[in-house]
């Protein structure tokens, strides 16, 4: 049976395609070495904007660093690597690239942005770490650096908002653990968690509830003076808060009233400071 000319051409095309496939993908240096740094950079930008996988663009930016290591394009490519990795939610790689930029170009005009990328590479992982607060502490540390080192930038303003949210997140985790202990009637452990919120996170949204939970825990232990003082603190600083109403109802049910009972306990000291305007 004879094979027609058209079929021969098709067979030849399939053979060539198979041979190319067998060779595997070209290495980046083989396919990009003939291009200028600007051309490679533009290819990376195009890949970043057109591909659903932002990390694919990193190949181009990394090749600029390798092929043109001391050029201005290499500097620009490094910050773009940090950005591309962050868009791809590859946060460890983004942080590493941002750190490398800050180490190599500490005084560059893009240093504030690199510091911000480093900070949010931790901040954007906060909701993914469960009870592990290491990432939150790292986020706070690097956000503070942006705020202090680059105060007049847009990144500092954004970092202030994120810092407050991350700080609130830490307090929320303390509350979560405290409620866990409270439900299981481990009152001493619960009190220690709520105390951390009241003393160390007093500017967060969780302080009113922490004071109310202290009222609950102290009443459960029979420590009426401490419960009354916690409620007095709550009423002095957050009288319109629903948690104060709950605390007032609890105390009233036992014939007690919110009032600082005196003494040298930590709550009494906080109450005196609060009255003098030195707390909250």
Protein backbone atom coordinates (compact mmCIF):
# COMPACT_ATOMS: atom_id res chain seq x y z
CA UNK A 1 0.00 0.00 0.00
CA UNK A 2 1.49 3.31 -1.06
CA UNK A 3 1.75 6.25 1.30
CA UNK A 4 0.69 9.57 -0.25
CA UNK A 5 2.86 12.67 -0.26
CA UNK A 6 0.54 14.44 2.23
CA UNK A 7 0.77 11.52 4.66
CA UNK A 8 4.55 11.50 4.31
CA UNK A 9 4.66 15.15 5.28
CA UNK A 10 2.46 14.46 8.32
CA UNK A 11 4.67 11.57 9.38
CA UNK A 12 7.71 13.79 9.06
CA UNK A 13 6.12 16.50 11.22
CA UNK A 14 5.23 13.96 13.92
CA UNK A 15 8.78 12.63 13.90
CA UNK A 16 10.25 16.10 14.37
CA UNK A 17 7.83 16.87 17.21
CA UNK A 18 8.69 13.60 18.93
CA UNK A 19 12.41 14.33 18.65
CA UNK A 20 11.97 17.78 20.19
CA UNK A 21 9.91 16.35 23.03
CA UNK A 22 12.57 13.77 23.74
CA UNK A 23 15.16 16.49 24.14
CA UNK A 24 13.15 18.01 27.03
CA UNK A 25 12.59 21.69 27.72
CA UNK A 26 15.34 24.17 26.96
CA UNK A 27 17.30 25.50 29.86
CA UNK A 28 16.71 29.18 30.62
CA UNK A 29 20.29 30.17 29.78
CA UNK A 30 20.05 28.51 26.34
CA UNK A 31 16.85 30.29 25.39
CA UNK A 32 17.49 33.72 26.92
CA UNK A 33 21.23 34.36 26.62
CA UNK A 34 20.83 35.99 23.21
CA UNK A 35 18.40 38.61 24.54
CA UNK A 36 19.21 41.89 26.25
CA UNK A 37 18.38 42.45 29.91
CA UNK A 38 15.57 44.79 28.96
CA UNK A 39 14.05 42.25 26.57
CA UNK A 40 14.15 39.51 29.23
CA UNK A 41 12.63 41.90 31.77
CA UNK A 42 9.79 42.71 29.39
CA UNK A 43 9.16 39.01 28.85
CA UNK A 44 9.00 38.54 32.61
CA UNK A 45 6.51 41.38 32.95
CA UNK A 46 4.38 39.91 30.17
CA UNK A 47 4.42 36.48 31.82
CA UNK A 48 3.51 38.05 35.15
CA UNK A 49 0.47 39.78 33.71
CA UNK A 50 -0.73 37.09 31.33
CA UNK A 51 -0.10 33.83 33.19
CA UNK A 52 -2.32 32.45 35.93
CA UNK A 53 0.84 31.28 37.69
CA UNK A 54 2.74 34.41 38.64
CA UNK A 55 5.77 32.39 39.73
CA UNK A 56 6.50 31.49 36.09
CA UNK A 57 7.75 35.02 35.53
CA UNK A 58 10.48 34.48 38.14
CA UNK A 59 12.46 32.47 35.60
CA UNK A 60 13.00 35.60 33.52
CA UNK A 61 13.85 37.88 36.42
CA UNK A 62 16.28 35.32 37.85
CA UNK A 63 18.02 34.98 34.49
CA UNK A 64 18.64 38.72 34.38
CA UNK A 65 20.47 38.43 37.68
CA UNK A 66 22.58 35.59 36.29
CA UNK A 67 23.32 37.04 32.88
CA UNK A 68 23.61 40.72 33.87
CA UNK A 69 24.55 40.52 37.56
CA UNK A 70 25.65 44.11 38.23
CA UNK A 71 23.25 45.97 36.01
CA UNK A 72 20.35 48.20 36.98
CA UNK A 73 18.11 45.60 35.35
CA UNK A 74 19.37 43.01 37.85
CA UNK A 75 18.34 45.28 40.70
CA UNK A 76 14.89 45.78 39.22
CA UNK A 77 14.59 42.06 38.50
CA UNK A 78 15.26 41.17 42.13
CA UNK A 79 12.42 43.29 43.49
CA UNK A 80 10.17 41.85 40.80
CA UNK A 81 11.03 38.35 41.98
CA UNK A 82 9.86 39.25 45.48
CA UNK A 83 6.65 40.70 44.05
CA UNK A 84 5.99 37.75 41.72
CA UNK A 85 6.51 35.20 44.46
CA UNK A 86 4.13 37.11 46.72
CA UNK A 87 1.46 37.20 44.04
CA UNK A 88 1.87 33.45 43.70
CA UNK A 89 1.48 33.13 47.50
CA UNK A 90 4.92 31.58 47.74
CA UNK A 91 5.65 33.60 50.85
CA UNK A 92 8.96 32.05 51.93
CA UNK A 93 10.46 32.69 48.51
CA UNK A 94 9.08 36.22 48.48
CA UNK A 95 10.60 36.95 51.89
CA UNK A 96 13.96 35.53 50.79
CA UNK A 97 14.05 37.70 47.66
CA UNK A 98 13.01 40.80 49.61
CA UNK A 99 15.71 40.17 52.23
CA UNK A 100 18.31 39.75 49.51
CA UNK A 101 17.25 43.05 47.97
CA UNK A 102 17.54 44.87 51.30
CA UNK A 103 20.97 43.31 51.95
CA UNK A 104 22.24 44.22 48.48
CA UNK A 105 20.56 47.60 47.95
CA UNK A 106 19.81 48.98 51.44
CA UNK A 107 19.68 52.61 50.32
CA UNK A 108 17.78 52.08 47.09
CA UNK A 109 14.55 53.91 46.35
CA UNK A 110 12.77 50.55 46.23
CA UNK A 111 14.03 49.53 49.70
CA UNK A 112 10.77 50.65 51.41
CA UNK A 113 8.79 48.44 49.04
CA UNK A 114 11.14 45.50 49.63
CA UNK A 115 10.76 45.94 53.39
CA UNK A 116 6.99 46.06 52.98
CA UNK A 117 6.98 42.89 50.85
CA UNK A 118 9.05 41.18 53.53
CA UNK A 119 6.57 42.24 56.22
CA UNK A 120 3.43 41.20 54.37
CA UNK A 121 4.98 37.86 53.40
CA UNK A 122 4.51 37.05 57.10
CA UNK A 123 1.33 39.06 57.62
CA UNK A 124 -0.52 37.23 54.84
CA UNK A 125 0.20 33.89 56.54
CA UNK A 126 -1.32 34.83 59.90
CA UNK A 127 -4.67 33.14 59.31
CA UNK A 128 -2.96 29.95 58.12
CA UNK A 129 -0.86 29.14 61.17
CA UNK A 130 -3.44 27.95 63.71
CA UNK A 131 -2.17 28.45 67.24
CA UNK A 132 1.44 29.05 66.20
CA UNK A 133 2.08 32.76 66.75
CA UNK A 134 5.64 32.83 65.39
CA UNK A 135 4.51 34.19 62.03
CA UNK A 136 2.43 36.91 63.70
CA UNK A 137 5.41 38.05 65.77
CA UNK A 138 7.56 38.13 62.62
CA UNK A 139 4.90 40.19 60.86
CA UNK A 140 4.78 42.67 63.74
CA UNK A 141 8.56 42.92 63.81
CA UNK A 142 8.89 43.69 60.10
CA UNK A 143 5.85 45.96 59.96
CA UNK A 144 7.39 47.99 62.77
CA UNK A 145 10.58 48.27 60.74
CA UNK A 146 8.67 49.71 57.80
CA UNK A 147 6.87 52.17 60.07
CA UNK A 148 10.06 53.32 61.81
CA UNK A 149 12.52 53.27 58.90
CA UNK A 150 10.26 54.66 56.18
CA UNK A 151 7.71 56.80 58.06
CA UNK A 152 6.83 59.12 55.18
CA UNK A 153 5.94 56.44 52.66
CA UNK A 154 2.63 54.92 51.65
CA UNK A 155 4.00 51.59 52.86
CA UNK A 156 4.34 52.94 56.40
CA UNK A 157 0.71 54.04 56.41
CA UNK A 158 -0.43 50.62 55.22
CA UNK A 159 1.86 48.95 57.76
CA UNK A 160 0.27 50.86 60.65
CA UNK A 161 -3.13 49.40 59.80
CA UNK A 162 -1.73 45.90 59.40
CA UNK A 163 0.26 46.22 62.62
CA UNK A 164 -2.90 47.01 64.58
CA UNK A 165 -4.72 44.07 63.01
CA UNK A 166 -1.84 41.68 63.70
CA UNK A 167 -1.62 42.93 67.29
CA UNK A 168 -5.35 42.38 67.65
CA UNK A 169 -4.89 38.89 66.24
CA UNK A 170 -2.40 38.02 69.00
CA UNK A 171 -4.86 39.20 71.62
CA UNK A 172 -7.59 37.17 69.93
CA UNK A 173 -5.50 34.03 70.19
CA UNK A 174 -4.96 34.64 73.90
CA UNK A 175 -8.72 35.05 74.29
CA UNK A 176 -9.38 31.85 72.37
CA UNK A 177 -7.13 29.87 74.69
CA UNK A 178 -8.55 31.60 77.76
CA UNK A 179 -12.11 30.72 76.76
CA UNK A 180 -11.00 27.12 76.22
CA UNK A 181 -9.72 26.93 79.79
CA UNK A 182 -12.75 28.77 81.16
CA UNK A 183 -15.19 26.31 79.60
CA UNK A 184 -13.26 23.47 81.19
CA UNK A 185 -13.28 25.21 84.57
CA UNK A 186 -9.52 25.57 84.61
CA UNK A 187 -9.94 29.03 86.06
CA UNK A 188 -6.34 29.75 87.02
CA UNK A 189 -5.12 29.04 83.49
CA UNK A 190 -7.97 31.11 82.03
CA UNK A 191 -7.16 34.06 84.28
CA UNK A 192 -3.52 34.02 83.22
CA UNK A 193 -4.57 34.33 79.56
CA UNK A 194 -7.09 37.09 80.16
CA UNK A 195 -4.54 38.95 82.28
CA UNK A 196 -2.12 38.96 79.33
CA UNK A 197 -4.79 40.62 77.19
CA UNK A 198 -5.60 43.25 79.82
CA UNK A 199 -1.96 44.07 80.59
CA UNK A 200 -0.22 43.62 77.24
CA UNK A 201 -2.96 44.14 74.66
CA UNK A 202 -5.09 46.78 76.34
CA UNK A 203 -5.47 48.83 73.16
CA UNK A 204 -7.09 45.99 71.24
CA UNK A 205 -10.78 45.24 70.75
CA UNK A 206 -10.53 42.21 73.07
CA UNK A 207 -9.95 44.10 76.34
CA UNK A 208 -13.62 44.50 77.34
CA UNK A 209 -14.30 40.79 76.95
CA UNK A 210 -11.09 39.89 78.79
CA UNK A 211 -12.21 41.97 81.79
CA UNK A 212 -15.65 40.36 81.71
CA UNK A 213 -14.15 36.86 81.57
CA UNK A 214 -12.00 37.77 84.56
CA UNK A 215 -15.20 38.64 86.44
CA UNK A 216 -16.60 35.23 85.52
CA UNK A 217 -13.45 33.34 86.49
CA UNK A 218 -12.89 35.16 89.78
CA UNK A 219 -16.52 34.71 90.82
CA UNK A 220 -16.26 31.01 90.03
CA UNK A 221 -13.25 30.81 92.35
CA UNK A 222 -14.99 32.85 95.04
CA UNK A 223 -12.61 35.81 94.74
CA UNK A 224 -15.24 38.51 95.02
CA UNK A 225 -12.89 41.46 95.50
CA UNK A 226 -11.00 40.66 92.29
CA UNK A 227 -14.27 40.17 90.39
CA UNK A 228 -15.62 43.52 91.61
CA UNK A 229 -12.37 45.28 90.66
CA UNK A 230 -12.34 43.75 87.18
CA UNK A 231 -15.92 44.91 86.67
CA UNK A 232 -15.04 48.38 87.96
CA UNK A 233 -12.22 48.61 85.43
CA UNK A 234 -14.60 47.48 82.73
CA UNK A 235 -17.21 50.04 83.74
CA UNK A 236 -14.70 52.88 84.03
CA UNK A 237 -13.25 52.33 80.56
CA UNK A 238 -16.04 50.63 78.62
CA UNK A 239 -19.31 51.46 80.36
CA UNK A 240 -21.31 51.40 77.11
CA UNK A 241 -19.93 48.00 76.13
CA UNK A 242 -22.34 45.01 76.32
CA UNK A 243 -19.74 43.06 78.29
CA UNK A 244 -20.08 45.57 81.12
CA UNK A 245 -23.81 44.89 81.24
CA UNK A 246 -23.07 41.16 81.49
CA UNK A 247 -20.59 41.69 84.31
CA UNK A 248 -22.95 44.00 86.17
CA UNK A 249 -25.69 41.38 85.91
CA UNK A 250 -23.38 38.64 87.22
CA UNK A 251 -22.34 40.70 90.24
CA UNK A 252 -25.87 41.88 90.97
CA UNK A 253 -27.03 38.28 91.00
CA UNK A 254 -24.70 37.67 93.94
CA UNK A 255 -25.49 40.91 95.73
CA UNK A 256 -22.26 42.58 94.63
CA UNK A 257 -21.48 45.83 92.81
CA UNK A 258 -18.61 46.86 90.52
CA UNK A 259 -16.18 48.62 92.80
CA UNK A 260 -12.45 48.66 93.36
CA UNK A 261 -11.95 46.67 96.53
CA UNK A 262 -8.52 48.05 97.31
CA UNK A 263 -5.43 45.98 98.00
CA UNK A 264 -2.21 45.58 96.08
CA UNK A 265 -3.30 43.02 93.51
CA UNK A 266 -2.58 43.53 89.84
CA UNK A 267 -6.17 44.53 89.07
CA UNK A 268 -6.22 47.08 91.90
CA UNK A 269 -3.02 48.60 90.61
CA UNK A 270 -4.46 48.82 87.11
CA UNK A 271 -7.59 50.44 88.48
CA UNK A 272 -5.61 53.16 90.27
CA UNK A 273 -3.56 53.81 87.13
CA UNK A 274 -6.71 53.98 85.06
CA UNK A 275 -8.33 56.54 87.35
CA UNK A 276 -5.23 58.71 87.03
CA UNK A 277 -5.37 58.40 83.26
CA UNK A 278 -2.16 56.38 83.01
CA UNK A 279 -3.81 53.30 81.53
CA UNK A 280 -6.01 52.94 78.45
